[in-house]
PDB file of N, CA and C in Angstrom:
ATOM      1  N   UNK A   1     -14.567 -17.615 -16.268  1.00  0.00           N
ATOM      2  CA  UNK A   1     -13.940 -17.293 -15.001  1.00  0.00           C
ATOM      3  C   UNK A   1     -13.538 -15.818 -14.964  1.00  0.00           C
ATOM      4  N   UNK A   2     -12.983 -15.325 -16.079  1.00  0.00           N
ATOM      5  CA  UNK A   2     -12.582 -13.921 -16.144  1.00  0.00           C
ATOM      6  C   UNK A   2     -13.798 -13.007 -16.028  1.00  0.00           C
ATOM      7  N   UNK A   3     -14.904 -13.424 -16.612  1.00  0.00           N
ATOM      8  CA  UNK A   3     -16.134 -12.634 -16.531  1.00  0.00           C
ATOM      9  C   UNK A   3     -16.621 -12.541 -15.091  1.00  0.00           C
ATOM     10  N   UNK A   4     -16.570 -13.632 -14.367  1.00  0.00           N
ATOM     11  CA  UNK A   4     -17.015 -13.655 -12.971  1.00  0.00           C
ATOM     12  C   UNK A   4     -16.115 -12.758 -12.116  1.00  0.00           C
ATOM     13  N   UNK A   5     -14.809 -12.841 -12.328  1.00  0.00           N
ATOM     14  CA  UNK A   5     -13.873 -11.991 -11.584  1.00  0.00           C
ATOM     15  C   UNK A   5     -14.111 -10.521 -11.922  1.00  0.00           C
ATOM     16  N   UNK A   6     -14.307 -10.224 -13.195  1.00  0.00           N
ATOM     17  CA  UNK A   6     -14.591  -8.854 -13.605  1.00  0.00           C
ATOM     18  C   UNK A   6     -15.875  -8.328 -12.998  1.00  0.00           C
ATOM     19  N   UNK A   7     -16.907  -9.131 -12.976  1.00  0.00           N
ATOM     20  CA  UNK A   7     -18.179  -8.739 -12.382  1.00  0.00           C
ATOM     21  C   UNK A   7     -18.030  -8.504 -10.885  1.00  0.00           C
ATOM     22  N   UNK A   8     -17.292  -9.371 -10.223  1.00  0.00           N
ATOM     23  CA  UNK A   8     -17.044  -9.208  -8.791  1.00  0.00           C
ATOM     24  C   UNK A   8     -16.311  -7.895  -8.516  1.00  0.00           C
ATOM     25  N   UNK A   9     -15.280  -7.597  -9.296  1.00  0.00           N
ATOM     26  CA  UNK A   9     -14.547  -6.345  -9.113  1.00  0.00           C
ATOM     27  C   UNK A   9     -15.418  -5.140  -9.413  1.00  0.00           C
ATOM     28  N   UNK A  10     -16.268  -5.249 -10.410  1.00  0.00           N
ATOM     29  CA  UNK A  10     -17.179  -4.163 -10.755  1.00  0.00           C
ATOM     30  C   UNK A  10     -18.121  -3.861  -9.603  1.00  0.00           C
ATOM     31  N   UNK A  11     -18.637  -4.888  -8.970  1.00  0.00           N
ATOM     32  CA  UNK A  11     -19.531  -4.708  -7.830  1.00  0.00           C
ATOM     33  C   UNK A  11     -18.762  -4.201  -6.617  1.00  0.00           C
ATOM     34  N   UNK A  12     -17.560  -4.698  -6.421  1.00  0.00           N
ATOM     35  CA  UNK A  12     -16.769  -4.357  -5.243  1.00  0.00           C
ATOM     36  C   UNK A  12     -16.283  -2.915  -5.257  1.00  0.00           C
ATOM     37  N   UNK A  13     -15.689  -2.457  -6.350  1.00  0.00           N
ATOM     38  CA  UNK A  13     -15.077  -1.121  -6.372  1.00  0.00           C
ATOM     39  C   UNK A  13     -15.832  -0.105  -7.207  1.00  0.00           C
ATOM     40  N   UNK A  14     -16.757  -0.523  -8.011  1.00  0.00           N
ATOM     41  CA  UNK A  14     -17.521   0.410  -8.837  1.00  0.00           C
ATOM     42  C   UNK A  14     -16.898   0.581 -10.210  1.00  0.00           C
ATOM     43  N   UNK A  15     -17.710   1.014 -11.165  1.00  0.00           N
ATOM     44  CA  UNK A  15     -17.229   1.087 -12.546  1.00  0.00           C
ATOM     45  C   UNK A  15     -16.157   2.159 -12.779  1.00  0.00           C
ATOM     46  N   UNK A  16     -16.252   3.295 -12.084  1.00  0.00           N
ATOM     47  CA  UNK A  16     -15.277   4.373 -12.317  1.00  0.00           C
ATOM     48  C   UNK A  16     -13.890   3.986 -11.816  1.00  0.00           C
ATOM     49  N   UNK A  17     -13.831   3.438 -10.606  1.00  0.00           N
ATOM     50  CA  UNK A  17     -12.536   3.021 -10.059  1.00  0.00           C
ATOM     51  C   UNK A  17     -11.937   1.878 -10.870  1.00  0.00           C
ATOM     52  N   UNK A  18     -12.765   0.942 -11.280  1.00  0.00           N
ATOM     53  CA  UNK A  18     -12.269  -0.194 -12.053  1.00  0.00           C
ATOM     54  C   UNK A  18     -11.733   0.275 -13.399  1.00  0.00           C
ATOM     55  N   UNK A  19     -12.464   1.176 -14.055  1.00  0.00           N
ATOM     56  CA  UNK A  19     -12.004   1.704 -15.340  1.00  0.00           C
ATOM     57  C   UNK A  19     -10.718   2.492 -15.185  1.00  0.00           C
ATOM     58  N   UNK A  20     -10.628   3.296 -14.143  1.00  0.00           N
ATOM     59  CA  UNK A  20      -9.424   4.082 -13.897  1.00  0.00           C
ATOM     60  C   UNK A  20      -8.240   3.169 -13.605  1.00  0.00           C
ATOM     61  N   UNK A  21      -8.478   2.098 -12.853  1.00  0.00           N
ATOM     62  CA  UNK A  21      -7.398   1.153 -12.546  1.00  0.00           C
ATOM     63  C   UNK A  21      -6.922   0.427 -13.799  1.00  0.00           C
ATOM     64  N   UNK A  22      -7.870   0.046 -14.648  1.00  0.00           N
ATOM     65  CA  UNK A  22      -7.485  -0.633 -15.881  1.00  0.00           C
ATOM     66  C   UNK A  22      -6.712   0.302 -16.805  1.00  0.00           C
ATOM     67  N   UNK A  23      -7.125   1.571 -16.866  1.00  0.00           N
ATOM     68  CA  UNK A  23      -6.410   2.532 -17.697  1.00  0.00           C
ATOM     69  C   UNK A  23      -5.027   2.845 -17.136  1.00  0.00           C
ATOM     70  N   UNK A  24      -4.885   2.785 -15.814  1.00  0.00           N
ATOM     71  CA  UNK A  24      -3.588   3.092 -15.217  1.00  0.00           C
ATOM     72  C   UNK A  24      -2.532   2.047 -15.568  1.00  0.00           C
ATOM     73  N   UNK A  25      -2.972   0.863 -15.939  1.00  0.00           N
ATOM     74  CA  UNK A  25      -2.026  -0.167 -16.368  1.00  0.00           C
ATOM     75  C   UNK A  25      -1.253   0.309 -17.590  1.00  0.00           C
ATOM     76  N   UNK A  26      -1.937   1.042 -18.453  1.00  0.00           N
ATOM     77  CA  UNK A  26      -1.315   1.535 -19.674  1.00  0.00           C
ATOM     78  C   UNK A  26      -0.844   2.980 -19.547  1.00  0.00           C
ATOM     79  N   UNK A  27      -0.993   3.586 -18.371  1.00  0.00           N
ATOM     80  CA  UNK A  27      -0.535   4.942 -18.135  1.00  0.00           C
ATOM     81  C   UNK A  27      -1.500   6.015 -18.591  1.00  0.00           C
ATOM     82  N   UNK A  28      -2.770   5.687 -18.755  1.00  0.00           N
ATOM     83  CA  UNK A  28      -3.746   6.651 -19.236  1.00  0.00           C
ATOM     84  C   UNK A  28      -4.705   7.144 -18.165  1.00  0.00           C
ATOM     85  N   UNK A  29      -4.540   6.742 -16.935  1.00  0.00           N
ATOM     86  CA  UNK A  29      -5.500   7.109 -15.892  1.00  0.00           C
ATOM     87  C   UNK A  29      -5.373   8.579 -15.541  1.00  0.00           C
ATOM     88  N   UNK A  30      -6.502   9.164 -15.227  1.00  0.00           N
ATOM     89  CA  UNK A  30      -6.479  10.562 -14.828  1.00  0.00           C
ATOM     90  C   UNK A  30      -6.195  10.647 -13.336  1.00  0.00           C
ATOM     91  N   UNK A  31      -5.591  11.741 -12.929  1.00  0.00           N
ATOM     92  CA  UNK A  31      -5.278  11.942 -11.525  1.00  0.00           C
ATOM     93  C   UNK A  31      -6.460  12.586 -10.835  1.00  0.00           C
ATOM     94  N   UNK A  32      -6.818  12.072  -9.687  1.00  0.00           N
ATOM     95  CA  UNK A  32      -7.907  12.622  -8.900  1.00  0.00           C
ATOM     96  C   UNK A  32      -7.313  13.253  -7.654  1.00  0.00           C
ATOM     97  N   UNK A  33      -7.594  14.524  -7.447  1.00  0.00           N
ATOM     98  CA  UNK A  33      -6.979  15.223  -6.327  1.00  0.00           C
ATOM     99  C   UNK A  33      -7.756  15.081  -5.031  1.00  0.00           C
ATOM    100  N   UNK A  34      -9.032  14.752  -5.088  1.00  0.00           N
ATOM    101  CA  UNK A  34      -9.847  14.679  -3.884  1.00  0.00           C
ATOM    102  C   UNK A  34     -10.440  13.289  -3.703  1.00  0.00           C
ATOM    103  N   UNK A  35      -9.656  12.296  -3.937  1.00  0.00           N
ATOM    104  CA  UNK A  35     -10.148  10.932  -3.808  1.00  0.00           C
ATOM    105  C   UNK A  35      -9.801  10.387  -2.426  1.00  0.00           C
ATOM    106  N   UNK A  36     -10.686   9.603  -1.877  1.00  0.00           N
ATOM    107  CA  UNK A  36     -10.410   8.988  -0.578  1.00  0.00           C
ATOM    108  C   UNK A  36      -9.295   7.963  -0.709  1.00  0.00           C
ATOM    109  N   UNK A  37      -9.118   7.418  -1.901  1.00  0.00           N
ATOM    110  CA  UNK A  37      -8.036   6.465  -2.115  1.00  0.00           C
ATOM    111  C   UNK A  37      -6.678   7.096  -1.953  1.00  0.00           C
ATOM    112  N   UNK A  38      -6.535   8.350  -2.362  1.00  0.00           N
ATOM    113  CA  UNK A  38      -5.270   9.050  -2.216  1.00  0.00           C
ATOM    114  C   UNK A  38      -4.961   9.276  -0.743  1.00  0.00           C
ATOM    115  N   UNK A  39      -5.992   9.650   0.033  1.00  0.00           N
ATOM    116  CA  UNK A  39      -5.795   9.842   1.467  1.00  0.00           C
ATOM    117  C   UNK A  39      -5.430   8.530   2.133  1.00  0.00           C
ATOM    118  N   UNK A  40      -6.099   7.455   1.751  1.00  0.00           N
ATOM    119  CA  UNK A  40      -5.804   6.147   2.320  1.00  0.00           C
ATOM    120  C   UNK A  40      -4.401   5.710   1.939  1.00  0.00           C
ATOM    121  N   UNK A  41      -4.009   5.958   0.697  1.00  0.00           N
ATOM    122  CA  UNK A  41      -2.672   5.577   0.242  1.00  0.00           C
ATOM    123  C   UNK A  41      -1.599   6.333   1.023  1.00  0.00           C
ATOM    124  N   UNK A  42      -1.824   7.617   1.252  1.00  0.00           N
ATOM    125  CA  UNK A  42      -0.864   8.415   2.016  1.00  0.00           C
ATOM    126  C   UNK A  42      -0.729   7.928   3.441  1.00  0.00           C
ATOM    127  N   UNK A  43      -1.853   7.621   4.076  1.00  0.00           N
ATOM    128  CA  UNK A  43      -1.784   7.134   5.452  1.00  0.00           C
ATOM    129  C   UNK A  43      -1.164   5.743   5.508  1.00  0.00           C
ATOM    130  N   UNK A  44      -1.407   4.931   4.502  1.00  0.00           N
ATOM    131  CA  UNK A  44      -0.789   3.600   4.463  1.00  0.00           C
ATOM    132  C   UNK A  44       0.727   3.717   4.292  1.00  0.00           C
ATOM    133  N   UNK A  45       1.173   4.639   3.442  1.00  0.00           N
ATOM    134  CA  UNK A  45       2.614   4.833   3.258  1.00  0.00           C
ATOM    135  C   UNK A  45       3.261   5.338   4.542  1.00  0.00           C
ATOM    136  N   UNK A  46       2.586   6.246   5.247  1.00  0.00           N
ATOM    137  CA  UNK A  46       3.115   6.733   6.515  1.00  0.00           C
ATOM    138  C   UNK A  46       3.213   5.609   7.537  1.00  0.00           C
ATOM    139  N   UNK A  47       2.200   4.742   7.575  1.00  0.00           N
ATOM    140  CA  UNK A  47       2.225   3.610   8.492  1.00  0.00           C
ATOM    141  C   UNK A  47       3.382   2.676   8.176  1.00  0.00           C
ATOM    142  N   UNK A  48       3.621   2.429   6.894  1.00  0.00           N
ATOM    143  CA  UNK A  48       4.716   1.547   6.490  1.00  0.00           C
ATOM    144  C   UNK A  48       6.060   2.164   6.864  1.00  0.00           C
ATOM    145  N   UNK A  49       6.208   3.471   6.665  1.00  0.00           N
ATOM    146  CA  UNK A  49       7.453   4.146   7.052  1.00  0.00           C
ATOM    147  C   UNK A  49       7.699   4.033   8.546  1.00  0.00           C
ATOM    148  N   UNK A  50       6.652   4.247   9.343  1.00  0.00           N
ATOM    149  CA  UNK A  50       6.805   4.136  10.792  1.00  0.00           C
ATOM    150  C   UNK A  50       7.142   2.707  11.204  1.00  0.00           C
ATOM    151  N   UNK A  51       6.516   1.738  10.576  1.00  0.00           N
ATOM    152  CA  UNK A  51       6.805   0.341  10.885  1.00  0.00           C
ATOM    153  C   UNK A  51       8.233  -0.010  10.490  1.00  0.00           C
ATOM    154  N   UNK A  52       8.709   0.498   9.362  1.00  0.00           N
ATOM    155  CA  UNK A  52      10.090   0.256   8.946  1.00  0.00           C
ATOM    156  C   UNK A  52      11.080   0.859   9.937  1.00  0.00           C
ATOM    157  N   UNK A  53      10.802   2.095  10.378  1.00  0.00           N
ATOM    158  CA  UNK A  53      11.680   2.741  11.358  1.00  0.00           C
ATOM    159  C   UNK A  53      11.698   1.966  12.669  1.00  0.00           C
ATOM    160  N   UNK A  54      10.535   1.527  13.121  1.00  0.00           N
ATOM    161  CA  UNK A  54      10.449   0.768  14.363  1.00  0.00           C
ATOM    162  C   UNK A  54      11.211  -0.547  14.242  1.00  0.00           C
ATOM    163  N   UNK A  55      11.054  -1.224  13.122  1.00  0.00           N
ATOM    164  CA  UNK A  55      11.766  -2.479  12.893  1.00  0.00           C
ATOM    165  C   UNK A  55      13.263  -2.260  12.881  1.00  0.00           C
ATOM    166  N   UNK A  56      13.705  -1.215  12.220  1.00  0.00           N
ATOM    167  CA  UNK A  56      15.130  -0.906  12.172  1.00  0.00           C
ATOM    168  C   UNK A  56      15.675  -0.604  13.563  1.00  0.00           C
ATOM    169  N   UNK A  57      14.938   0.172  14.338  1.00  0.00           N
ATOM    170  CA  UNK A  57      15.372   0.486  15.698  1.00  0.00           C
ATOM    171  C   UNK A  57      15.430  -0.758  16.571  1.00  0.00           C
ATOM    172  N   UNK A  58      14.450  -1.636  16.434  1.00  0.00           N
ATOM    173  CA  UNK A  58      14.453  -2.876  17.211  1.00  0.00           C
ATOM    174  C   UNK A  58      15.617  -3.782  16.810  1.00  0.00           C
ATOM    175  N   UNK A  59      15.915  -3.843  15.519  1.00  0.00           N
ATOM    176  CA  UNK A  59      17.056  -4.640  15.073  1.00  0.00           C
ATOM    177  C   UNK A  59      18.357  -4.105  15.646  1.00  0.00           C
ATOM    178  N   UNK A  60      18.513  -2.785  15.653  1.00  0.00           N
ATOM    179  CA  UNK A  60      19.719  -2.189  16.220  1.00  0.00           C
ATOM    180  C   UNK A  60      19.820  -2.456  17.717  1.00  0.00           C
ATOM    181  N   UNK A  61      18.694  -2.387  18.415  1.00  0.00           N
ATOM    182  CA  UNK A  61      18.683  -2.667  19.841  1.00  0.00           C
ATOM    183  C   UNK A  61      19.071  -4.115  20.113  1.00  0.00           C
ATOM    184  N   UNK A  62      18.539  -5.032  19.347  1.00  0.00           N
ATOM    185  CA  UNK A  62      18.863  -6.452  19.526  1.00  0.00           C
ATOM    186  C   UNK A  62      20.340  -6.701  19.235  1.00  0.00           C
ATOM    187  N   UNK A  63      20.878  -6.046  18.191  1.00  0.00           N
ATOM    188  CA  UNK A  63      22.310  -6.181  17.888  1.00  0.00           C
ATOM    189  C   UNK A  63      23.163  -5.711  19.052  1.00  0.00           C
ATOM    190  N   UNK A  64      22.807  -4.580  19.641  1.00  0.00           N
ATOM    191  CA  UNK A  64      23.573  -4.037  20.762  1.00  0.00           C
ATOM    192  C   UNK A  64      23.496  -4.955  21.974  1.00  0.00           C
ATOM    193  N   UNK A  65      22.323  -5.517  22.228  1.00  0.00           N
ATOM    194  CA  UNK A  65      22.177  -6.461  23.354  1.00  0.00           C
ATOM    195  C   UNK A  65      23.038  -7.691  23.117  1.00  0.00           C
ATOM    196  N   UNK A  66      23.047  -8.212  21.908  1.00  0.00           N
ATOM    197  CA  UNK A  66      23.859  -9.382  21.595  1.00  0.00           C
ATOM    198  C   UNK A  66      25.346  -9.044  21.743  1.00  0.00           C
ATOM    199  N   UNK A  67      25.768  -7.858  21.298  1.00  0.00           N
ATOM    200  CA  UNK A  67      27.169  -7.449  21.460  1.00  0.00           C
ATOM    201  C   UNK A  67      27.554  -7.376  22.925  1.00  0.00           C
ATOM    202  N   UNK A  68      26.660  -6.857  23.757  1.00  0.00           N
ATOM    203  CA  UNK A  68      26.953  -6.738  25.184  1.00  0.00           C
ATOM    204  C   UNK A  68      27.038  -8.111  25.833  1.00  0.00           C
ATOM    205  N   UNK A  69      26.114  -8.990  25.486  1.00  0.00           N
ATOM    206  CA  UNK A  69      26.080 -10.321  26.118  1.00  0.00           C
ATOM    207  C   UNK A  69      27.199 -11.235  25.652  1.00  0.00           C
ATOM    208  N   UNK A  70      27.532 -11.209  24.363  1.00  0.00           N
ATOM    209  CA  UNK A  70      28.502 -12.154  23.834  1.00  0.00           C
ATOM    210  C   UNK A  70      29.799 -11.504  23.375  1.00  0.00           C
ATOM    211  N   UNK A  71      29.919 -10.236  23.569  1.00  0.00           N
ATOM    212  CA  UNK A  71      31.167  -9.547  23.261  1.00  0.00           C
ATOM    213  C   UNK A  71      31.326  -9.333  21.831  1.00  0.00           C
TER     214      UNK A  71
END
């Protein structure tokens, strides 16, 4: 089963990314400055920050509406 999962990951992400990911578990991965993964990670983090801010603002708005309606 582990062999099948490993083979699937090898085909899915490629040998270099898989090796780098496995090495990063132990803290030995090299840093890549021009990787598309870094750009994707940055945009994903920005999206999460914006979603968190929006959620926080909506929660505050709902709290204020509840305070107005029920005192």
